[in-house]
């Protein structure tokens, strides 16, 4: 399972990218952030 730090790091990237968007929009992207983190971890594991 992804570490919370990895997930938060990915989510933090979204927050920085979406500065000025409202929090509702950010939270709807949370699942997308988790999917990206999972994909990246699979790539890193090879």
PDB file of N, CA and C in Angstrom:
ATOM      1  N   UNK A   1       0.841  -1.198   0.000  1.00  0.00           N
ATOM      2  CA  UNK A   1       0.000   0.000   0.000  1.00  0.00           C
ATOM      3  C   UNK A   1       0.880   1.253   0.000  1.00  0.00           C
ATOM      4  N   UNK A   2       0.442   2.253  -0.737  1.00  0.00           N
ATOM      5  CA  UNK A   2       1.187   3.508  -0.783  1.00  0.00           C
ATOM      6  C   UNK A   2       1.305   4.110   0.599  1.00  0.00           C
ATOM      7  N   UNK A   3       2.445   4.673   0.889  1.00  0.00           N
ATOM      8  CA  UNK A   3       2.588   5.362   2.168  1.00  0.00           C
ATOM      9  C   UNK A   3       1.794   6.659   2.112  1.00  0.00           C
ATOM     10  N   UNK A   4       1.316   7.087   3.275  1.00  0.00           N
ATOM     11  CA  UNK A   4       0.555   8.336   3.324  1.00  0.00           C
ATOM     12  C   UNK A   4       1.413   9.507   2.857  1.00  0.00           C
ATOM     13  N   UNK A   5       2.709   9.446   3.145  1.00  0.00           N
ATOM     14  CA  UNK A   5       3.593  10.535   2.728  1.00  0.00           C
ATOM     15  C   UNK A   5       3.651  10.625   1.210  1.00  0.00           C
ATOM     16  N   UNK A   6       3.705   9.481   0.529  1.00  0.00           N
ATOM     17  CA  UNK A   6       3.727   9.500  -0.933  1.00  0.00           C
ATOM     18  C   UNK A   6       2.429  10.066  -1.484  1.00  0.00           C
ATOM     19  N   UNK A   7       1.300   9.612  -0.916  1.00  0.00           N
ATOM     20  CA  UNK A   7       0.009  10.112  -1.383  1.00  0.00           C
ATOM     21  C   UNK A   7      -0.105  11.605  -1.132  1.00  0.00           C
ATOM     22  N   UNK A   8       0.314  12.042   0.065  1.00  0.00           N
ATOM     23  CA  UNK A   8       0.227  13.472   0.385  1.00  0.00           C
ATOM     24  C   UNK A   8       1.131  14.277  -0.543  1.00  0.00           C
ATOM     25  N   UNK A   9       2.288  13.716  -0.895  1.00  0.00           N
ATOM     26  CA  UNK A   9       3.185  14.404  -1.816  1.00  0.00           C
ATOM     27  C   UNK A   9       2.523  14.617  -3.168  1.00  0.00           C
ATOM     28  N   UNK A  10       1.857  13.582  -3.670  1.00  0.00           N
ATOM     29  CA  UNK A  10       1.164  13.695  -4.946  1.00  0.00           C
ATOM     30  C   UNK A  10       0.026  14.697  -4.839  1.00  0.00           C
ATOM     31  N   UNK A  11      -0.719  14.632  -3.722  1.00  0.00           N
ATOM     32  CA  UNK A  11      -1.840  15.536  -3.530  1.00  0.00           C
ATOM     33  C   UNK A  11      -1.334  16.969  -3.403  1.00  0.00           C
ATOM     34  N   UNK A  12      -0.177  17.136  -2.748  1.00  0.00           N
ATOM     35  CA  UNK A  12       0.423  18.458  -2.606  1.00  0.00           C
ATOM     36  C   UNK A  12       0.757  19.065  -3.964  1.00  0.00           C
ATOM     37  N   UNK A  13       1.190  18.217  -4.901  1.00  0.00           N
ATOM     38  CA  UNK A  13       1.478  18.697  -6.250  1.00  0.00           C
ATOM     39  C   UNK A  13       0.215  19.259  -6.876  1.00  0.00           C
ATOM     40  N   UNK A  14      -0.912  18.551  -6.677  1.00  0.00           N
ATOM     41  CA  UNK A  14      -2.185  19.018  -7.214  1.00  0.00           C
ATOM     42  C   UNK A  14      -2.550  20.368  -6.609  1.00  0.00           C
ATOM     43  N   UNK A  15      -2.352  20.504  -5.292  1.00  0.00           N
ATOM     44  CA  UNK A  15      -2.689  21.757  -4.618  1.00  0.00           C
ATOM     45  C   UNK A  15      -1.880  22.904  -5.212  1.00  0.00           C
ATOM     46  N   UNK A  16      -0.585  22.678  -5.427  1.00  0.00           N
ATOM     47  CA  UNK A  16       0.254  23.735  -5.990  1.00  0.00           C
ATOM     48  C   UNK A  16      -0.175  24.074  -7.413  1.00  0.00           C
ATOM     49  N   UNK A  17      -0.538  23.046  -8.191  1.00  0.00           N
ATOM     50  CA  UNK A  17      -0.960  23.267  -9.568  1.00  0.00           C
ATOM     51  C   UNK A  17      -2.285  24.015  -9.632  1.00  0.00           C
ATOM     52  N   UNK A  18      -3.143  23.769  -8.650  1.00  0.00           N
ATOM     53  CA  UNK A  18      -4.505  24.301  -8.706  1.00  0.00           C
ATOM     54  C   UNK A  18      -4.720  25.481  -7.768  1.00  0.00           C
ATOM     55  N   UNK A  19      -3.640  26.180  -7.411  1.00  0.00           N
ATOM     56  CA  UNK A  19      -3.806  27.339  -6.534  1.00  0.00           C
ATOM     57  C   UNK A  19      -4.855  28.265  -7.134  1.00  0.00           C
ATOM     58  N   UNK A  20      -5.800  28.687  -6.299  1.00  0.00           N
ATOM     59  CA  UNK A  20      -6.868  29.539  -6.786  1.00  0.00           C
ATOM     60  C   UNK A  20      -8.154  28.758  -7.016  1.00  0.00           C
ATOM     61  N   UNK A  21      -8.050  27.437  -7.147  1.00  0.00           N
ATOM     62  CA  UNK A  21      -9.258  26.611  -7.235  1.00  0.00           C
ATOM     63  C   UNK A  21      -9.826  26.449  -5.835  1.00  0.00           C
ATOM     64  N   UNK A  22     -11.119  26.133  -5.752  1.00  0.00           N
ATOM     65  CA  UNK A  22     -11.669  25.953  -4.403  1.00  0.00           C
ATOM     66  C   UNK A  22     -11.376  24.547  -3.899  1.00  0.00           C
ATOM     67  N   UNK A  23     -11.499  24.375  -2.559  1.00  0.00           N
ATOM     68  CA  UNK A  23     -11.148  23.097  -1.941  1.00  0.00           C
ATOM     69  C   UNK A  23     -12.005  21.952  -2.462  1.00  0.00           C
ATOM     70  N   UNK A  24     -13.261  22.225  -2.801  1.00  0.00           N
ATOM     71  CA  UNK A  24     -14.131  21.177  -3.332  1.00  0.00           C
ATOM     72  C   UNK A  24     -13.520  20.548  -4.576  1.00  0.00           C
ATOM     73  N   UNK A  25     -12.990  21.394  -5.454  1.00  0.00           N
ATOM     74  CA  UNK A  25     -12.362  20.890  -6.672  1.00  0.00           C
ATOM     75  C   UNK A  25     -11.144  20.042  -6.333  1.00  0.00           C
ATOM     76  N   UNK A  26     -10.377  20.489  -5.329  1.00  0.00           N
ATOM     77  CA  UNK A  26      -9.192  19.724  -4.955  1.00  0.00           C
ATOM     78  C   UNK A  26      -9.574  18.354  -4.431  1.00  0.00           C
ATOM     79  N   UNK A  27     -10.607  18.302  -3.585  1.00  0.00           N
ATOM     80  CA  UNK A  27     -10.979  17.014  -2.999  1.00  0.00           C
ATOM     81  C   UNK A  27     -11.511  16.053  -4.058  1.00  0.00           C
ATOM     82  N   UNK A  28     -12.165  16.577  -5.104  1.00  0.00           N
ATOM     83  CA  UNK A  28     -12.655  15.676  -6.144  1.00  0.00           C
ATOM     84  C   UNK A  28     -11.483  15.057  -6.900  1.00  0.00           C
ATOM     85  N   UNK A  29     -10.317  15.697  -6.836  1.00  0.00           N
ATOM     86  CA  UNK A  29      -9.147  15.170  -7.531  1.00  0.00           C
ATOM     87  C   UNK A  29      -8.354  14.195  -6.669  1.00  0.00           C
ATOM     88  N   UNK A  30      -8.787  14.005  -5.414  1.00  0.00           N
ATOM     89  CA  UNK A  30      -8.035  13.148  -4.498  1.00  0.00           C
ATOM     90  C   UNK A  30      -7.880  11.739  -5.057  1.00  0.00           C
ATOM     91  N   UNK A  31      -8.963  11.166  -5.593  1.00  0.00           N
ATOM     92  CA  UNK A  31      -8.882   9.814  -6.153  1.00  0.00           C
ATOM     93  C   UNK A  31      -7.916   9.770  -7.328  1.00  0.00           C
ATOM     94  N   UNK A  32      -7.922  10.815  -8.134  1.00  0.00           N
ATOM     95  CA  UNK A  32      -6.998  10.868  -9.262  1.00  0.00           C
ATOM     96  C   UNK A  32      -5.560  10.888  -8.756  1.00  0.00           C
ATOM     97  N   UNK A  33      -5.322  11.651  -7.700  1.00  0.00           N
ATOM     98  CA  UNK A  33      -3.978  11.723  -7.125  1.00  0.00           C
ATOM     99  C   UNK A  33      -3.526  10.353  -6.649  1.00  0.00           C
ATOM    100  N   UNK A  34      -4.438   9.614  -6.005  1.00  0.00           N
ATOM    101  CA  UNK A  34      -4.094   8.282  -5.524  1.00  0.00           C
ATOM    102  C   UNK A  34      -3.785   7.356  -6.691  1.00  0.00           C
ATOM    103  N   UNK A  35      -4.561   7.458  -7.768  1.00  0.00           N
ATOM    104  CA  UNK A  35      -4.313   6.611  -8.933  1.00  0.00           C
ATOM    105  C   UNK A  35      -2.945   6.912  -9.534  1.00  0.00           C
ATOM    106  N   UNK A  36      -2.588   8.197  -9.590  1.00  0.00           N
ATOM    107  CA  UNK A  36      -1.283   8.582 -10.124  1.00  0.00           C
ATOM    108  C   UNK A  36      -0.174   8.019  -9.246  1.00  0.00           C
ATOM    109  N   UNK A  37      -0.361   8.114  -7.923  1.00  0.00           N
ATOM    110  CA  UNK A  37       0.648   7.601  -6.994  1.00  0.00           C
ATOM    111  C   UNK A  37       0.823   6.096  -7.171  1.00  0.00           C
ATOM    112  N   UNK A  38      -0.283   5.381  -7.335  1.00  0.00           N
ATOM    113  CA  UNK A  38      -0.214   3.929  -7.528  1.00  0.00           C
ATOM    114  C   UNK A  38       0.516   3.601  -8.825  1.00  0.00           C
ATOM    115  N   UNK A  39       0.188   4.336  -9.885  1.00  0.00           N
ATOM    116  CA  UNK A  39       0.838   4.096 -11.168  1.00  0.00           C
ATOM    117  C   UNK A  39       2.336   4.354 -11.056  1.00  0.00           C
ATOM    118  N   UNK A  40       2.699   5.481 -10.426  1.00  0.00           N
ATOM    119  CA  UNK A  40       4.110   5.827 -10.289  1.00  0.00           C
ATOM    120  C   UNK A  40       4.853   4.774  -9.472  1.00  0.00           C
ATOM    121  N   UNK A  41       4.213   4.268  -8.409  1.00  0.00           N
ATOM    122  CA  UNK A  41       4.884   3.271  -7.574  1.00  0.00           C
ATOM    123  C   UNK A  41       5.112   1.992  -8.371  1.00  0.00           C
ATOM    124  N   UNK A  42       4.170   1.636  -9.242  1.00  0.00           N
ATOM    125  CA  UNK A  42       4.348   0.449 -10.076  1.00  0.00           C
ATOM    126  C   UNK A  42       5.518   0.646 -11.038  1.00  0.00           C
ATOM    127  N   UNK A  43       5.638   1.850 -11.588  1.00  0.00           N
ATOM    128  CA  UNK A  43       6.739   2.143 -12.505  1.00  0.00           C
ATOM    129  C   UNK A  43       8.070   2.046 -11.763  1.00  0.00           C
ATOM    130  N   UNK A  44       8.110   2.606 -10.545  1.00  0.00           N
ATOM    131  CA  UNK A  44       9.351   2.588  -9.772  1.00  0.00           C
ATOM    132  C   UNK A  44       9.748   1.168  -9.387  1.00  0.00           C
ATOM    133  N   UNK A  45       8.753   0.322  -9.097  1.00  0.00           N
ATOM    134  CA  UNK A  45       9.039  -1.066  -8.732  1.00  0.00           C
ATOM    135  C   UNK A  45       9.491  -1.871  -9.947  1.00  0.00           C
ATOM    136  N   UNK A  46       9.104  -1.400 -11.130  1.00  0.00           N
ATOM    137  CA  UNK A  46       9.497  -2.084 -12.347  1.00  0.00           C
ATOM    138  C   UNK A  46       8.628  -3.286 -12.563  1.00  0.00           C
TER     139      UNK A  46
END
